Amino acid sequence: MQIAVVIRNLAAEYDTHRVAIRDSKTGEPVYGVEWQSVLYNGKLHINICNYEWDKKNINIYINNRPVTNVSELITGSTVNMTNFDLKPFTPVLIRVE
């Protein structure tokens, strides 16, 4: 696990959007989940996928502030991110409003 902490810290240094995905119960970084963020048409888009078989209940933080309502672009719905279940191997593409 120490290597994961080192890599996560290095990645955080270069993440210009300062996106963090945390376990909603512990507040710790969530493992087995990958994400990428990009600024597109002035809005932050985040592609997220859980690469483990157990669902994860997550919170998203940008610059250490929690994100609440976002648009989920695959389903076209508005999602409340304060208690979001990330299903196994199911990509999620969100736009932060």
Protein backbone atom coordinates (compact mmCIF):
# COMPACT_ATOMS: atom_id res chain seq x y z
CA MET A 1 0.00 0.00 0.00
CA GLN A 2 2.91 2.41 0.50
CA ILE A 3 3.57 2.57 -3.24
CA ALA A 4 -0.08 3.50 -3.81
CA VAL A 5 0.28 6.44 -1.41
CA VAL A 6 3.43 7.66 -3.16
CA ILE A 7 1.83 7.41 -6.60
CA ARG A 8 -1.37 9.10 -5.41
CA ASN A 9 0.64 11.99 -3.93
CA LEU A 10 2.65 12.43 -7.14
CA ALA A 11 -0.51 12.38 -9.26
CA ALA A 12 -2.14 14.96 -6.97
CA GLU A 13 0.77 17.35 -7.59
CA TYR A 14 0.06 17.35 -11.33
CA ASP A 15 -3.75 17.31 -11.21
CA THR A 16 -4.62 20.87 -12.15
CA HIS A 17 -8.27 20.29 -11.22
CA ARG A 18 -7.41 18.77 -7.81
CA VAL A 19 -10.02 16.03 -8.07
CA ALA A 20 -10.14 13.51 -5.22
CA ILE A 21 -12.47 10.55 -4.91
CA ARG A 22 -12.94 9.27 -1.36
CA ASP A 23 -14.79 6.50 0.39
CA SER A 24 -17.92 8.12 1.80
CA LYS A 25 -17.73 6.17 5.07
CA THR A 26 -14.05 6.64 5.91
CA GLY A 27 -13.14 9.80 4.00
CA GLU A 28 -10.00 7.99 2.82
CA PRO A 29 -8.96 7.73 -0.83
CA VAL A 30 -10.89 4.97 -2.52
CA TYR A 31 -8.89 2.06 -3.97
CA GLY A 32 -9.66 0.16 -7.15
CA VAL A 33 -11.20 3.23 -8.77
CA GLU A 34 -9.63 5.21 -11.58
CA TRP A 35 -10.64 8.59 -12.92
CA GLN A 36 -9.54 11.23 -15.36
CA SER A 37 -10.68 14.82 -15.49
CA VAL A 38 -10.70 17.39 -18.26
CA LEU A 39 -11.99 20.91 -18.73
CA TYR A 40 -14.34 20.91 -21.75
CA ASN A 41 -16.42 23.90 -22.87
CA GLY A 42 -15.69 25.57 -19.54
CA LYS A 43 -17.05 22.66 -17.45
CA LEU A 44 -15.10 20.02 -15.55
CA HIS A 45 -15.80 16.49 -16.82
CA ILE A 46 -14.72 13.43 -14.82
CA ASN A 47 -14.66 9.89 -16.17
CA ILE A 48 -14.78 7.34 -13.31
CA CYS A 49 -14.67 3.55 -13.23
CA ASN A 50 -14.61 1.06 -10.34
CA TYR A 51 -12.29 -1.83 -11.24
CA GLU A 52 -13.26 -4.06 -8.33
CA TRP A 53 -16.26 -6.39 -7.97
CA ASP A 54 -17.64 -4.66 -4.86
CA LYS A 55 -19.63 -1.47 -5.31
CA LYS A 56 -18.08 1.64 -3.76
CA ASN A 57 -19.93 4.45 -2.06
CA ILE A 58 -17.96 7.56 -2.96
CA ASN A 59 -17.74 11.31 -2.60
CA ILE A 60 -15.96 13.59 -5.06
CA TYR A 61 -13.93 16.58 -3.92
CA ILE A 62 -12.54 19.38 -6.03
CA ASN A 63 -9.93 21.52 -4.31
CA ASN A 64 -10.96 19.82 -1.02
CA ARG A 65 -14.59 20.91 -1.41
CA PRO A 66 -17.32 18.28 -1.80
CA VAL A 67 -19.20 18.12 -5.08
CA THR A 68 -22.96 17.70 -4.71
CA ASN A 69 -25.17 17.67 -7.81
CA VAL A 70 -23.65 16.77 -11.17
CA SER A 71 -24.91 15.76 -14.58
CA GLU A 72 -24.24 12.12 -15.48
CA LEU A 73 -23.68 12.30 -19.22
CA ILE A 74 -24.10 8.60 -20.07
CA THR A 75 -27.60 8.32 -18.59
CA GLY A 76 -28.52 12.00 -18.98
CA SER A 77 -29.59 12.30 -15.35
CA THR A 78 -28.72 14.60 -12.47
CA VAL A 79 -26.93 12.74 -9.68
CA ASN A 80 -26.55 13.62 -6.00
CA MET A 81 -22.90 12.85 -5.26
CA THR A 82 -23.21 13.10 -1.48
CA ASN A 83 -24.05 9.38 -1.35
CA PHE A 84 -23.20 7.83 -4.71
CA ASP A 85 -22.81 4.09 -5.35
CA LEU A 86 -20.20 3.33 -7.96
CA LYS A 87 -21.06 -0.03 -9.49
CA PRO A 88 -18.35 -2.52 -10.50
CA PHE A 89 -16.94 -2.13 -14.01
CA THR A 90 -19.55 0.48 -14.97
CA PRO A 91 -18.09 3.75 -16.28
CA VAL A 92 -19.58 7.04 -15.14
CA LEU A 93 -19.04 10.32 -16.99
CA ILE A 94 -20.03 13.37 -14.99
CA ARG A 95 -20.06 17.07 -15.67
CA VAL A 96 -19.63 19.34 -12.68
CA GLU A 97 -22.05 22.26 -12.92
